[in-house]
Amino acid sequence: MASKLQFFFFLFLSIFSCLPIQGVSSSSGYVENIVKAVSDAGYHAMSLTLELTLPTLISSALTDNNTINTITIFCPPDEAFLPSKYYRQPPITLLKYHVALVKLERKDFEAVHPLHTKINTLLHGHPFVVTTSSHTGNPSINGVEIKRWNIYNDGHVIVHGVENFFDPAYQTILYPKYDGKVSEDSNTSTMITSKALSKFQEYGRVVFVLAFFMAPAIILGI
């Protein structure tokens, strides 16, 4: 009887271990620290936007790619929100385009991401491009200059200030060779993770069906 109960226990344990695990990747206090730093730096509109969307953005980044250790967020100034289309809140797709899936500090634009380098964003298939190197002043992305460095930086989330919103059409028109392409460092592992998760979920369904039909026989000792 004990052996049957052990088998039953491990059978259901295997089922639950195959189910996807979801959870909040950042606490409210963690989000508040980032939002406060952005607000204190004078980016009030973006701080309000991040207060509503930051947990989703961080969770999305870590869920899509479990190898990501650092993300970099770029904040437009309040004036960029004045056009009517962004007056209330920018669409989540545009916000994702302002989240890079790598660490981007000033020194990285010199050694790791030189001029015309594409950098993958949270908006998959839509990278942005380094359009001015740090050797000539502040680097620019999609023609938009980075104005303020390290508004927030804890080693995992980095926030910089930029002079305007990044326009995804800039890359599409001027750098069409990057359309729909993703670099190995951020999205190859995403594809592998997605395939592995799919296999686990498929396996979990098979085990669940087996458990459903076998459980009565195990319990009744048939």
N, C-alpha and C. Protein backbone atom coordinates (compact mmCIF):
# COMPACT_ATOMS: atom_id res chain seq x y z
N MET A 1 0.83 -1.21 0.00
CA MET A 1 0.00 0.00 0.00
C MET A 1 0.86 1.26 0.00
N ALA A 2 1.94 1.21 0.83
CA ALA A 2 2.84 2.37 0.91
C ALA A 2 3.48 2.66 -0.43
N SER A 3 3.89 1.58 -1.13
CA SER A 3 4.54 1.78 -2.43
C SER A 3 3.58 2.40 -3.43
N LYS A 4 2.28 2.02 -3.35
CA LYS A 4 1.29 2.58 -4.25
C LYS A 4 1.08 4.07 -3.97
N LEU A 5 1.05 4.43 -2.68
CA LEU A 5 0.88 5.83 -2.33
C LEU A 5 2.09 6.65 -2.77
N GLN A 6 3.28 6.08 -2.64
CA GLN A 6 4.48 6.78 -3.08
C GLN A 6 4.44 7.01 -4.58
N PHE A 7 4.01 5.98 -5.32
CA PHE A 7 3.91 6.11 -6.77
C PHE A 7 2.92 7.20 -7.14
N PHE A 8 1.78 7.21 -6.44
CA PHE A 8 0.74 8.20 -6.69
C PHE A 8 1.26 9.61 -6.40
N PHE A 9 2.02 9.76 -5.31
CA PHE A 9 2.57 11.05 -4.93
C PHE A 9 3.55 11.57 -5.98
N PHE A 10 4.48 10.71 -6.40
CA PHE A 10 5.49 11.14 -7.38
C PHE A 10 4.88 11.38 -8.75
N LEU A 11 3.78 10.66 -9.05
CA LEU A 11 3.10 10.87 -10.31
C LEU A 11 2.53 12.28 -10.38
N PHE A 12 1.84 12.70 -9.33
CA PHE A 12 1.28 14.05 -9.31
C PHE A 12 2.34 15.11 -9.14
N LEU A 13 3.43 14.77 -8.46
CA LEU A 13 4.54 15.72 -8.35
C LEU A 13 5.12 16.01 -9.73
N SER A 14 5.22 14.97 -10.56
CA SER A 14 5.75 15.16 -11.91
C SER A 14 4.81 16.00 -12.76
N ILE A 15 3.50 15.89 -12.50
CA ILE A 15 2.53 16.69 -13.24
C ILE A 15 2.72 18.16 -12.94
N PHE A 16 2.76 18.50 -11.66
CA PHE A 16 2.86 19.90 -11.27
C PHE A 16 4.21 20.50 -11.61
N SER A 17 5.25 19.68 -11.66
CA SER A 17 6.56 20.21 -12.02
C SER A 17 6.62 20.57 -13.49
N CYS A 18 5.69 20.06 -14.30
CA CYS A 18 5.68 20.35 -15.73
C CYS A 18 4.82 21.55 -16.07
N LEU A 19 4.04 22.04 -15.12
CA LEU A 19 3.18 23.17 -15.39
C LEU A 19 3.98 24.45 -15.34
N PRO A 20 3.65 25.47 -16.19
CA PRO A 20 4.38 26.72 -16.17
C PRO A 20 4.19 27.44 -14.85
N ILE A 21 5.28 28.04 -14.37
CA ILE A 21 5.24 28.76 -13.11
C ILE A 21 5.18 30.24 -13.40
N GLN A 22 4.21 30.92 -12.84
CA GLN A 22 4.07 32.35 -13.04
C GLN A 22 4.13 33.04 -11.70
N GLY A 23 4.73 34.22 -11.68
CA GLY A 23 4.80 34.96 -10.44
C GLY A 23 5.23 36.38 -10.70
N VAL A 24 5.10 37.21 -9.70
CA VAL A 24 5.50 38.60 -9.82
C VAL A 24 7.00 38.67 -9.68
N SER A 25 7.67 39.32 -10.64
CA SER A 25 9.12 39.35 -10.65
C SER A 25 9.69 40.53 -9.89
N SER A 26 8.83 41.43 -9.44
CA SER A 26 9.33 42.57 -8.69
C SER A 26 8.30 42.97 -7.64
N SER A 27 8.78 43.33 -6.46
CA SER A 27 7.89 43.74 -5.39
C SER A 27 7.45 45.18 -5.60
N SER A 28 6.39 45.56 -4.89
CA SER A 28 5.89 46.93 -5.03
C SER A 28 6.93 47.94 -4.55
N GLY A 29 7.69 47.57 -3.51
CA GLY A 29 8.73 48.46 -3.02
C GLY A 29 9.82 48.68 -4.03
N TYR A 30 10.16 47.63 -4.76
CA TYR A 30 11.19 47.71 -5.80
C TYR A 30 10.75 48.66 -6.90
N VAL A 31 9.50 48.52 -7.32
CA VAL A 31 8.95 49.39 -8.36
C VAL A 31 8.90 50.84 -7.87
N GLU A 32 8.52 51.03 -6.62
CA GLU A 32 8.43 52.38 -6.06
C GLU A 32 9.78 53.08 -6.08
N ASN A 33 10.85 52.34 -5.81
CA ASN A 33 12.19 52.95 -5.83
C ASN A 33 12.55 53.47 -7.21
N ILE A 34 12.23 52.68 -8.23
CA ILE A 34 12.53 53.08 -9.60
C ILE A 34 11.67 54.27 -10.00
N VAL A 35 10.38 54.19 -9.71
CA VAL A 35 9.45 55.27 -10.06
C VAL A 35 9.86 56.57 -9.37
N LYS A 36 10.25 56.49 -8.11
CA LYS A 36 10.65 57.69 -7.36
C LYS A 36 11.91 58.31 -7.97
N ALA A 37 12.87 57.47 -8.35
CA ALA A 37 14.10 57.99 -8.94
C ALA A 37 13.81 58.71 -10.26
N VAL A 38 12.92 58.14 -11.06
CA VAL A 38 12.55 58.76 -12.33
C VAL A 38 11.82 60.08 -12.10
N SER A 39 10.92 60.11 -11.12
CA SER A 39 10.19 61.33 -10.80
C SER A 39 11.12 62.41 -10.25
N ASP A 40 12.02 62.02 -9.35
CA ASP A 40 12.96 62.98 -8.76
C ASP A 40 13.88 63.58 -9.81
N ALA A 41 14.12 62.84 -10.90
CA ALA A 41 14.98 63.34 -11.97
C ALA A 41 14.23 64.29 -12.91
N GLY A 42 12.92 64.47 -12.68
CA GLY A 42 12.14 65.40 -13.47
C GLY A 42 11.34 64.78 -14.60
N TYR A 43 11.36 63.45 -14.69
CA TYR A 43 10.60 62.74 -15.73
C TYR A 43 9.26 62.29 -15.14
N HIS A 44 8.40 63.27 -14.86
CA HIS A 44 7.18 62.99 -14.10
C HIS A 44 6.18 62.15 -14.89
N ALA A 45 6.00 62.47 -16.16
CA ALA A 45 5.05 61.71 -16.98
C ALA A 45 5.48 60.25 -17.10
N MET A 46 6.77 60.06 -17.32
CA MET A 46 7.27 58.69 -17.46
C MET A 46 7.20 57.95 -16.13
N SER A 47 7.39 58.65 -15.02
CA SER A 47 7.30 57.98 -13.72
C SER A 47 5.89 57.47 -13.47
N LEU A 48 4.88 58.26 -13.85
CA LEU A 48 3.50 57.82 -13.71
C LEU A 48 3.20 56.63 -14.62
N THR A 49 3.77 56.68 -15.82
CA THR A 49 3.58 55.57 -16.76
C THR A 49 4.23 54.29 -16.24
N LEU A 50 5.45 54.41 -15.72
CA LEU A 50 6.15 53.24 -15.20
C LEU A 50 5.47 52.68 -13.96
N GLU A 51 4.86 53.55 -13.18
CA GLU A 51 4.14 53.08 -11.99
C GLU A 51 3.05 52.09 -12.36
N LEU A 52 2.44 52.31 -13.53
CA LEU A 52 1.36 51.44 -13.98
C LEU A 52 1.86 50.24 -14.77
N THR A 53 2.98 50.40 -15.46
CA THR A 53 3.39 49.37 -16.42
C THR A 53 4.68 48.63 -16.06
N LEU A 54 5.47 49.16 -15.13
CA LEU A 54 6.79 48.57 -14.87
C LEU A 54 6.73 47.11 -14.44
N PRO A 55 5.83 46.71 -13.53
CA PRO A 55 5.78 45.28 -13.18
C PRO A 55 5.55 44.39 -14.39
N THR A 56 4.68 44.84 -15.30
CA THR A 56 4.40 44.06 -16.51
C THR A 56 5.62 44.00 -17.41
N LEU A 57 6.32 45.12 -17.56
CA LEU A 57 7.49 45.17 -18.44
C LEU A 57 8.61 44.27 -17.92
N ILE A 58 8.89 44.36 -16.62
CA ILE A 58 9.96 43.55 -16.04
C ILE A 58 9.59 42.07 -16.10
N SER A 59 8.35 41.77 -15.73
CA SER A 59 7.90 40.38 -15.75
C SER A 59 7.96 39.82 -17.16
N SER A 60 7.56 40.62 -18.15
CA SER A 60 7.60 40.18 -19.55
C SER A 60 9.02 39.91 -20.00
N ALA A 61 9.95 40.77 -19.61
CA ALA A 61 11.35 40.58 -20.01
C ALA A 61 11.92 39.30 -19.42
N LEU A 62 11.66 39.05 -18.15
CA LEU A 62 12.23 37.88 -17.50
C LEU A 62 11.52 36.60 -17.91
N THR A 63 10.23 36.69 -18.22
CA THR A 63 9.49 35.51 -18.66
C THR A 63 9.90 35.10 -20.06
N ASP A 64 10.08 36.09 -20.94
CA ASP A 64 10.45 35.80 -22.32
C ASP A 64 11.85 35.23 -22.44
N ASN A 65 12.73 35.59 -21.52
CA ASN A 65 14.11 35.13 -21.61
C ASN A 65 14.68 35.01 -20.20
N ASN A 66 14.79 33.77 -19.71
CA ASN A 66 15.22 33.58 -18.33
C ASN A 66 16.73 33.73 -18.15
N THR A 67 17.45 34.10 -19.22
CA THR A 67 18.89 34.34 -19.08
C THR A 67 19.20 35.82 -18.90
N ILE A 68 18.19 36.67 -18.94
CA ILE A 68 18.41 38.11 -18.82
C ILE A 68 18.69 38.47 -17.37
N ASN A 69 19.79 39.18 -17.15
CA ASN A 69 20.14 39.65 -15.82
C ASN A 69 19.90 41.14 -15.64
N THR A 70 19.91 41.87 -16.74
CA THR A 70 19.79 43.33 -16.67
C THR A 70 18.94 43.84 -17.83
N ILE A 71 18.10 44.81 -17.55
CA ILE A 71 17.38 45.52 -18.61
C ILE A 71 17.69 47.01 -18.48
N THR A 72 17.62 47.71 -19.60
CA THR A 72 17.87 49.15 -19.61
C THR A 72 16.64 49.85 -20.16
N ILE A 73 16.12 50.80 -19.40
CA ILE A 73 14.91 51.53 -19.77
C ILE A 73 15.29 52.95 -20.14
N PHE A 74 14.70 53.45 -21.22
CA PHE A 74 14.96 54.82 -21.67
C PHE A 74 13.70 55.66 -21.47
N CYS A 75 13.87 56.80 -20.78
CA CYS A 75 12.73 57.64 -20.41
C CYS A 75 12.71 58.94 -21.21
N PRO A 76 11.66 59.19 -21.97
CA PRO A 76 11.50 60.48 -22.64
C PRO A 76 11.08 61.55 -21.63
N PRO A 77 11.32 62.83 -21.93
CA PRO A 77 10.93 63.91 -21.02
C PRO A 77 9.43 64.18 -21.08
N ASP A 78 8.97 65.01 -20.18
CA ASP A 78 7.54 65.33 -20.12
C ASP A 78 7.04 65.93 -21.43
N GLU A 79 7.89 66.75 -22.09
CA GLU A 79 7.46 67.42 -23.33
C GLU A 79 7.09 66.41 -24.42
N ALA A 80 7.71 65.24 -24.38
CA ALA A 80 7.45 64.24 -25.41
C ALA A 80 6.04 63.67 -25.30
N PHE A 81 5.41 63.84 -24.13
CA PHE A 81 4.06 63.32 -23.93
C PHE A 81 2.98 64.30 -24.36
N LEU A 82 3.37 65.52 -24.73
CA LEU A 82 2.39 66.55 -25.05
C LEU A 82 1.57 66.27 -26.30
N PRO A 83 2.16 65.67 -27.36
CA PRO A 83 1.32 65.33 -28.51
C PRO A 83 0.12 64.49 -28.08
N SER A 84 -1.02 64.76 -28.70
CA SER A 84 -2.27 64.15 -28.25
C SER A 84 -2.23 62.63 -28.23
N LYS A 85 -1.47 62.02 -29.14
CA LYS A 85 -1.49 60.57 -29.22
C LYS A 85 -0.83 59.91 -28.01
N TYR A 86 0.00 60.67 -27.26
CA TYR A 86 0.65 60.12 -26.08
C TYR A 86 0.20 60.83 -24.80
N TYR A 87 -0.83 61.67 -24.89
CA TYR A 87 -1.18 62.52 -23.76
C TYR A 87 -1.57 61.71 -22.53
N ARG A 88 -2.34 60.66 -22.72
CA ARG A 88 -2.77 59.87 -21.57
C ARG A 88 -1.70 58.85 -21.19
N GLN A 89 -1.42 57.94 -22.10
CA GLN A 89 -0.39 56.94 -21.83
C GLN A 89 0.05 56.31 -23.14
N PRO A 90 1.35 56.18 -23.36
CA PRO A 90 1.83 55.55 -24.59
C PRO A 90 1.37 54.10 -24.64
N PRO A 91 1.17 53.55 -25.83
CA PRO A 91 0.79 52.13 -25.93
C PRO A 91 1.90 51.25 -25.37
N ILE A 92 1.52 50.09 -24.86
CA ILE A 92 2.50 49.19 -24.24
C ILE A 92 3.55 48.75 -25.25
N THR A 93 3.18 48.66 -26.53
CA THR A 93 4.16 48.27 -27.55
C THR A 93 5.27 49.31 -27.66
N LEU A 94 4.91 50.59 -27.58
CA LEU A 94 5.93 51.64 -27.64
C LEU A 94 6.81 51.62 -26.40
N LEU A 95 6.22 51.36 -25.25
CA LEU A 95 7.01 51.27 -24.02
C LEU A 95 7.99 50.10 -24.09
N LYS A 96 7.55 48.98 -24.65
CA LYS A 96 8.45 47.84 -24.81
C LYS A 96 9.64 48.18 -25.70
N TYR A 97 9.41 49.08 -26.66
CA TYR A 97 10.48 49.48 -27.56
C TYR A 97 11.53 50.33 -26.85
N HIS A 98 11.22 50.80 -25.65
CA HIS A 98 12.16 51.60 -24.87
C HIS A 98 12.84 50.78 -23.78
N VAL A 99 12.71 49.47 -23.87
CA VAL A 99 13.37 48.57 -22.91
C VAL A 99 14.35 47.68 -23.66
N ALA A 100 15.64 47.88 -23.41
CA ALA A 100 16.67 47.04 -24.02
C ALA A 100 16.91 45.83 -23.12
N LEU A 101 17.17 44.69 -23.75
CA LEU A 101 17.33 43.45 -22.99
C LEU A 101 18.78 43.19 -22.59
N VAL A 102 19.55 44.26 -22.51
CA VAL A 102 20.96 44.15 -22.12
C VAL A 102 21.33 45.33 -21.23
N LYS A 103 22.49 45.22 -20.62
CA LYS A 103 23.04 46.33 -19.83
C LYS A 103 23.61 47.36 -20.79
N LEU A 104 23.15 48.60 -20.67
CA LEU A 104 23.65 49.67 -21.52
C LEU A 104 24.07 50.85 -20.64
N GLU A 105 25.36 50.92 -20.38
CA GLU A 105 25.92 52.08 -19.71
C GLU A 105 26.77 52.84 -20.71
N ARG A 106 27.21 54.02 -20.33
CA ARG A 106 27.94 54.86 -21.29
C ARG A 106 29.15 54.13 -21.88
N LYS A 107 29.88 53.42 -21.05
CA LYS A 107 31.08 52.73 -21.52
C LYS A 107 30.74 51.61 -22.51
N ASP A 108 29.53 51.06 -22.42
CA ASP A 108 29.14 49.97 -23.32
C ASP A 108 28.98 50.45 -24.76
N PHE A 109 28.68 51.74 -24.94
CA PHE A 109 28.52 52.26 -26.29
C PHE A 109 29.86 52.42 -27.00
N GLU A 110 30.93 52.38 -26.26
CA GLU A 110 32.25 52.48 -26.86
C GLU A 110 32.80 51.11 -27.24
N ALA A 111 32.66 50.15 -26.33
CA ALA A 111 33.30 48.85 -26.54
C ALA A 111 32.37 47.78 -27.08
N VAL A 112 31.13 47.76 -26.61
CA VAL A 112 30.23 46.64 -26.92
C VAL A 112 29.24 46.99 -28.03
N HIS A 113 28.75 48.22 -28.04
CA HIS A 113 27.70 48.62 -28.99
C HIS A 113 28.13 49.88 -29.74
N PRO A 114 29.04 49.75 -30.69
CA PRO A 114 29.50 50.92 -31.45
C PRO A 114 28.45 51.40 -32.45
N LEU A 115 28.84 52.37 -33.25
CA LEU A 115 27.95 52.99 -34.23
C LEU A 115 27.32 51.96 -35.16
N HIS A 116 26.02 52.12 -35.42
CA HIS A 116 25.22 51.28 -36.32
C HIS A 116 24.96 49.87 -35.77
N THR A 117 25.24 49.68 -34.50
CA THR A 117 24.91 48.39 -33.88
C THR A 117 23.43 48.34 -33.56
N LYS A 118 22.82 47.20 -33.81
CA LYS A 118 21.42 47.03 -33.41
C LYS A 118 21.37 46.42 -32.02
N ILE A 119 20.36 46.82 -31.27
CA ILE A 119 20.18 46.33 -29.90
C ILE A 119 18.75 45.84 -29.76
N ASN A 120 18.59 44.62 -29.34
CA ASN A 120 17.26 44.04 -29.22
C ASN A 120 16.48 44.67 -28.08
N THR A 121 15.19 44.82 -28.30
CA THR A 121 14.31 45.41 -27.31
C THR A 121 13.26 44.40 -26.87
N LEU A 122 12.46 44.81 -25.91
CA LEU A 122 11.39 43.95 -25.43
C LEU A 122 10.30 43.78 -26.48
N LEU A 123 10.27 44.67 -27.47
CA LEU A 123 9.34 44.52 -28.59
C LEU A 123 10.02 43.64 -29.63
N HIS A 124 9.75 42.35 -29.57
CA HIS A 124 10.48 41.36 -30.36
C HIS A 124 10.41 41.64 -31.86
N GLY A 125 11.56 41.49 -32.51
CA GLY A 125 11.63 41.72 -33.94
C GLY A 125 11.80 43.17 -34.31
N HIS A 126 11.88 44.05 -33.31
CA HIS A 126 12.02 45.49 -33.55
C HIS A 126 13.17 46.04 -32.72
N PRO A 127 14.40 45.88 -33.18
CA PRO A 127 15.54 46.44 -32.45
C PRO A 127 15.64 47.94 -32.69
N PHE A 128 16.39 48.62 -31.84
CA PHE A 128 16.77 49.99 -32.19
C PHE A 128 18.26 50.00 -32.53
N VAL A 129 18.73 51.14 -33.05
CA VAL A 129 20.06 51.20 -33.63
C VAL A 129 20.85 52.36 -33.02
N VAL A 130 22.11 52.11 -32.72
CA VAL A 130 23.00 53.17 -32.24
C VAL A 130 23.37 54.05 -33.44
N THR A 131 22.98 55.33 -33.38
CA THR A 131 23.16 56.20 -34.55
C THR A 131 24.22 57.28 -34.34
N THR A 132 24.69 57.45 -33.12
CA THR A 132 25.82 58.34 -32.84
C THR A 132 26.67 57.68 -31.78
N SER A 133 27.96 57.62 -32.01
CA SER A 133 28.85 56.98 -31.04
C SER A 133 29.17 57.93 -29.89
N SER A 134 29.68 57.38 -28.82
CA SER A 134 30.03 58.18 -27.65
C SER A 134 31.29 59.01 -27.87
N HIS A 135 32.00 58.76 -28.97
CA HIS A 135 33.23 59.50 -29.24
C HIS A 135 32.94 60.95 -29.65
N THR A 136 31.72 61.20 -30.12
CA THR A 136 31.36 62.54 -30.58
C THR A 136 30.43 63.25 -29.59
N GLY A 137 30.31 62.73 -28.39
CA GLY A 137 29.42 63.31 -27.39
C GLY A 137 28.52 62.24 -26.83
N ASN A 138 27.30 62.61 -26.49
CA ASN A 138 26.35 61.62 -26.01
C ASN A 138 25.91 60.71 -27.15
N PRO A 139 25.89 59.41 -26.93
CA PRO A 139 25.38 58.50 -27.98
C PRO A 139 23.91 58.79 -28.26
N SER A 140 23.48 58.42 -29.45
CA SER A 140 22.06 58.53 -29.79
C SER A 140 21.55 57.19 -30.27
N ILE A 141 20.26 56.97 -30.08
CA ILE A 141 19.59 55.75 -30.51
C ILE A 141 18.42 56.16 -31.40
N ASN A 142 18.38 55.59 -32.60
CA ASN A 142 17.35 55.97 -33.58
C ASN A 142 17.30 57.49 -33.77
N GLY A 143 18.46 58.12 -33.70
CA GLY A 143 18.53 59.57 -33.89
C GLY A 143 18.13 60.38 -32.67
N VAL A 144 17.87 59.72 -31.54
CA VAL A 144 17.45 60.39 -30.31
C VAL A 144 18.61 60.35 -29.31
N GLU A 145 19.02 61.50 -28.84
CA GLU A 145 20.18 61.58 -27.96
C GLU A 145 19.86 61.15 -26.53
N ILE A 146 20.80 60.45 -25.94
CA ILE A 146 20.70 60.11 -24.51
C ILE A 146 21.18 61.32 -23.72
N LYS A 147 20.29 61.89 -22.94
CA LYS A 147 20.57 63.15 -22.26
C LYS A 147 21.04 62.97 -20.82
N ARG A 148 20.57 61.94 -20.16
CA ARG A 148 20.88 61.79 -18.74
C ARG A 148 21.17 60.33 -18.44
N TRP A 149 22.29 60.10 -17.75
CA TRP A 149 22.73 58.73 -17.47
C TRP A 149 22.41 58.34 -16.03
N ASN A 150 22.10 57.05 -15.89
CA ASN A 150 21.95 56.45 -14.56
C ASN A 150 20.98 57.21 -13.65
N ILE A 151 19.80 57.47 -14.18
CA ILE A 151 18.73 57.98 -13.31
C ILE A 151 18.46 56.97 -12.21
N TYR A 152 18.55 55.71 -12.60
CA TYR A 152 18.46 54.61 -11.64
C TYR A 152 19.36 53.49 -12.15
N ASN A 153 20.08 52.87 -11.23
CA ASN A 153 20.97 51.77 -11.63
C ASN A 153 21.29 50.93 -10.40
N ASP A 154 20.69 49.75 -10.35
CA ASP A 154 21.00 48.83 -9.25
C ASP A 154 21.72 47.58 -9.75
N GLY A 155 22.15 47.64 -11.02
CA GLY A 155 22.83 46.50 -11.61
C GLY A 155 21.91 45.55 -12.34
N HIS A 156 20.62 45.64 -12.08
CA HIS A 156 19.64 44.78 -12.75
C HIS A 156 18.67 45.60 -13.60
N VAL A 157 18.31 46.76 -13.11
CA VAL A 157 17.48 47.69 -13.87
C VAL A 157 18.24 49.01 -13.97
N ILE A 158 18.45 49.46 -15.21
CA ILE A 158 19.15 50.72 -15.47
C ILE A 158 18.19 51.65 -16.19
N VAL A 159 18.17 52.91 -15.80
CA VAL A 159 17.27 53.88 -16.42
C VAL A 159 18.08 55.09 -16.87
N HIS A 160 17.94 55.46 -18.15
CA HIS A 160 18.56 56.65 -18.70
C HIS A 160 17.47 57.58 -19.25
N GLY A 161 17.78 58.86 -19.34
CA GLY A 161 16.86 59.83 -19.91
C GLY A 161 17.23 60.15 -21.35
N VAL A 162 16.25 60.22 -22.23
CA VAL A 162 16.48 60.55 -23.64
C VAL A 162 15.63 61.76 -24.01
N GLU A 163 15.96 62.39 -25.15
CA GLU A 163 15.31 63.66 -25.50
C GLU A 163 13.93 63.49 -26.13
N ASN A 164 13.57 62.27 -26.51
CA ASN A 164 12.25 62.06 -27.12
C ASN A 164 11.96 60.56 -27.15
N PHE A 165 10.77 60.20 -27.61
CA PHE A 165 10.46 58.79 -27.82
C PHE A 165 11.27 58.24 -28.99
N PHE A 166 11.64 56.96 -28.91
CA PHE A 166 12.23 56.29 -30.05
C PHE A 166 11.11 55.93 -31.04
N ASP A 167 11.37 56.14 -32.31
CA ASP A 167 10.39 55.80 -33.34
C ASP A 167 10.80 54.49 -34.00
N PRO A 168 10.01 53.42 -33.86
CA PRO A 168 10.37 52.14 -34.50
C PRO A 168 10.51 52.25 -36.01
N ALA A 169 9.81 53.21 -36.61
CA ALA A 169 9.88 53.37 -38.07
C ALA A 169 11.27 53.82 -38.52
N TYR A 170 12.01 54.45 -37.63
CA TYR A 170 13.37 54.90 -37.97
C TYR A 170 14.23 53.72 -38.37
N GLN A 171 14.19 52.67 -37.58
CA GLN A 171 14.97 51.47 -37.90
C GLN A 171 14.42 50.78 -39.13
N THR A 172 13.10 50.72 -39.25
CA THR A 172 12.48 50.03 -40.38
C THR A 172 12.85 50.68 -41.71
N ILE A 173 12.89 52.01 -41.73
CA ILE A 173 13.16 52.74 -42.97
C ILE A 173 14.65 52.81 -43.29
N LEU A 174 15.46 53.14 -42.29
CA LEU A 174 16.89 53.38 -42.54
C LEU A 174 17.76 52.14 -42.36
N TYR A 175 17.27 51.18 -41.59
CA TYR A 175 18.04 49.95 -41.37
C TYR A 175 17.15 48.73 -41.59
N PRO A 176 16.60 48.58 -42.80
CA PRO A 176 15.67 47.47 -43.06
C PRO A 176 16.32 46.10 -42.93
N LYS A 177 17.65 46.04 -43.00
CA LYS A 177 18.32 44.74 -42.88
C LYS A 177 18.12 44.12 -41.50
N TYR A 178 17.73 44.95 -40.53
CA TYR A 178 17.52 44.44 -39.18
C TYR A 178 16.08 44.02 -38.93
N ASP A 179 15.20 44.18 -39.92
CA ASP A 179 13.79 43.87 -39.72
C ASP A 179 13.59 42.41 -39.34
N GLY A 180 12.89 42.21 -38.24
CA GLY A 180 12.51 40.87 -37.83
C GLY A 180 13.64 39.98 -37.40
N LYS A 181 14.88 40.50 -37.36
CA LYS A 181 16.02 39.70 -36.96
C LYS A 181 16.30 39.91 -35.49
N VAL A 182 16.79 38.86 -34.87
CA VAL A 182 17.12 38.93 -33.45
C VAL A 182 18.52 38.40 -33.26
N SER A 183 19.22 38.94 -32.28
CA SER A 183 20.60 38.52 -32.06
C SER A 183 20.65 37.30 -31.18
N GLU A 184 21.76 36.58 -31.25
CA GLU A 184 21.90 35.33 -30.52
C GLU A 184 21.86 35.53 -29.02
N ASP A 185 22.38 36.68 -28.55
CA ASP A 185 22.52 36.84 -27.11
C ASP A 185 21.21 36.97 -26.38
N SER A 186 20.13 37.40 -27.08
CA SER A 186 18.90 37.59 -26.35
C SER A 186 17.75 36.73 -26.81
N ASN A 187 17.72 36.33 -28.08
CA ASN A 187 16.52 35.67 -28.56
C ASN A 187 16.71 34.21 -28.95
N THR A 188 17.95 33.79 -29.20
CA THR A 188 18.17 32.37 -29.44
C THR A 188 17.77 31.58 -28.21
N SER A 189 18.21 32.09 -27.06
CA SER A 189 17.85 31.42 -25.82
C SER A 189 16.36 31.50 -25.56
N THR A 190 15.71 32.59 -26.03
CA THR A 190 14.27 32.69 -25.88
C THR A 190 13.57 31.59 -26.66
N MET A 191 14.05 31.34 -27.91
CA MET A 191 13.46 30.29 -28.73
C MET A 191 13.64 28.93 -28.08
N ILE A 192 14.84 28.71 -27.52
CA ILE A 192 15.12 27.43 -26.87
C ILE A 192 14.22 27.26 -25.66
N THR A 193 14.10 28.35 -24.87
CA THR A 193 13.26 28.29 -23.68
C THR A 193 11.80 28.01 -24.05
N SER A 194 11.31 28.67 -25.11
CA SER A 194 9.93 28.47 -25.53
C SER A 194 9.69 27.03 -25.98
N LYS A 195 10.65 26.48 -26.75
CA LYS A 195 10.51 25.10 -27.20
C LYS A 195 10.53 24.13 -26.03
N ALA A 196 11.43 24.40 -25.08
CA ALA A 196 11.52 23.52 -23.92
C ALA A 196 10.23 23.57 -23.11
N LEU A 197 9.69 24.79 -22.93
CA LEU A 197 8.45 24.94 -22.18
C LEU A 197 7.32 24.21 -22.87
N SER A 198 7.29 24.31 -24.21
CA SER A 198 6.25 23.62 -24.97
C SER A 198 6.33 22.11 -24.77
N LYS A 199 7.57 21.59 -24.77
CA LYS A 199 7.75 20.16 -24.55
C LYS A 199 7.31 19.75 -23.16
N PHE A 200 7.65 20.59 -22.16
CA PHE A 200 7.25 20.29 -20.79
C PHE A 200 5.74 20.29 -20.64
N GLN A 201 5.09 21.26 -21.28
CA GLN A 201 3.63 21.34 -21.19
C GLN A 201 2.99 20.13 -21.86
N GLU A 202 3.56 19.72 -23.01
CA GLU A 202 3.03 18.55 -23.70
C GLU A 202 3.20 17.30 -22.84
N TYR A 203 4.39 17.20 -22.23
CA TYR A 203 4.65 16.07 -21.35
C TYR A 203 3.70 16.07 -20.15
N GLY A 204 3.45 17.28 -19.62
CA GLY A 204 2.55 17.39 -18.48
C GLY A 204 1.15 16.92 -18.81
N ARG A 205 0.68 17.24 -20.02
CA ARG A 205 -0.66 16.81 -20.42
C ARG A 205 -0.73 15.29 -20.54
N VAL A 206 0.34 14.68 -21.08
CA VAL A 206 0.36 13.22 -21.22
C VAL A 206 0.32 12.56 -19.85
N VAL A 207 1.14 13.08 -18.94
CA VAL A 207 1.18 12.51 -17.59
C VAL A 207 -0.16 12.67 -16.90
N PHE A 208 -0.80 13.83 -17.12
CA PHE A 208 -2.10 14.08 -16.48
C PHE A 208 -3.14 13.07 -16.96
N VAL A 209 -3.15 12.79 -18.27
CA VAL A 209 -4.11 11.83 -18.82
C VAL A 209 -3.85 10.44 -18.24
N LEU A 210 -2.57 10.06 -18.16
CA LEU A 210 -2.23 8.75 -17.59
C LEU A 210 -2.68 8.67 -16.13
N ALA A 211 -2.44 9.75 -15.40
CA ALA A 211 -2.82 9.76 -13.98
C ALA A 211 -4.32 9.65 -13.82
N PHE A 212 -5.07 10.32 -14.73
CA PHE A 212 -6.53 10.32 -14.64
C PHE A 212 -7.09 8.91 -14.76
N PHE A 213 -6.51 8.13 -15.69
CA PHE A 213 -7.02 6.78 -15.92
C PHE A 213 -6.42 5.75 -14.96
N MET A 214 -5.22 6.01 -14.46
CA MET A 214 -4.55 5.03 -13.61
C MET A 214 -4.86 5.21 -12.14
N ALA A 215 -5.24 6.43 -11.74
CA ALA A 215 -5.45 6.69 -10.32
C ALA A 215 -6.49 5.78 -9.68
N PRO A 216 -7.68 5.58 -10.30
CA PRO A 216 -8.67 4.69 -9.67
C PRO A 216 -8.14 3.27 -9.47
N ALA A 217 -7.39 2.78 -10.46
CA ALA A 217 -6.86 1.42 -10.35
C ALA A 217 -5.84 1.32 -9.23
N ILE A 218 -5.02 2.38 -9.08
CA ILE A 218 -4.00 2.37 -8.03
C ILE A 218 -4.64 2.41 -6.65
N ILE A 219 -5.65 3.29 -6.50
CA ILE A 219 -6.31 3.46 -5.20
C ILE A 219 -7.07 2.19 -4.80
N LEU A 220 -7.76 1.58 -5.77
CA LEU A 220 -8.56 0.39 -5.48
C LEU A 220 -7.72 -0.88 -5.45
N GLY A 221 -6.46 -0.77 -5.84
CA GLY A 221 -5.58 -1.94 -5.81
C GLY A 221 -5.86 -2.93 -6.90
N ILE A 222 -6.41 -2.42 -8.03
CA ILE A 222 -6.73 -3.32 -9.14
C ILE A 222 -5.46 -3.67 -9.90
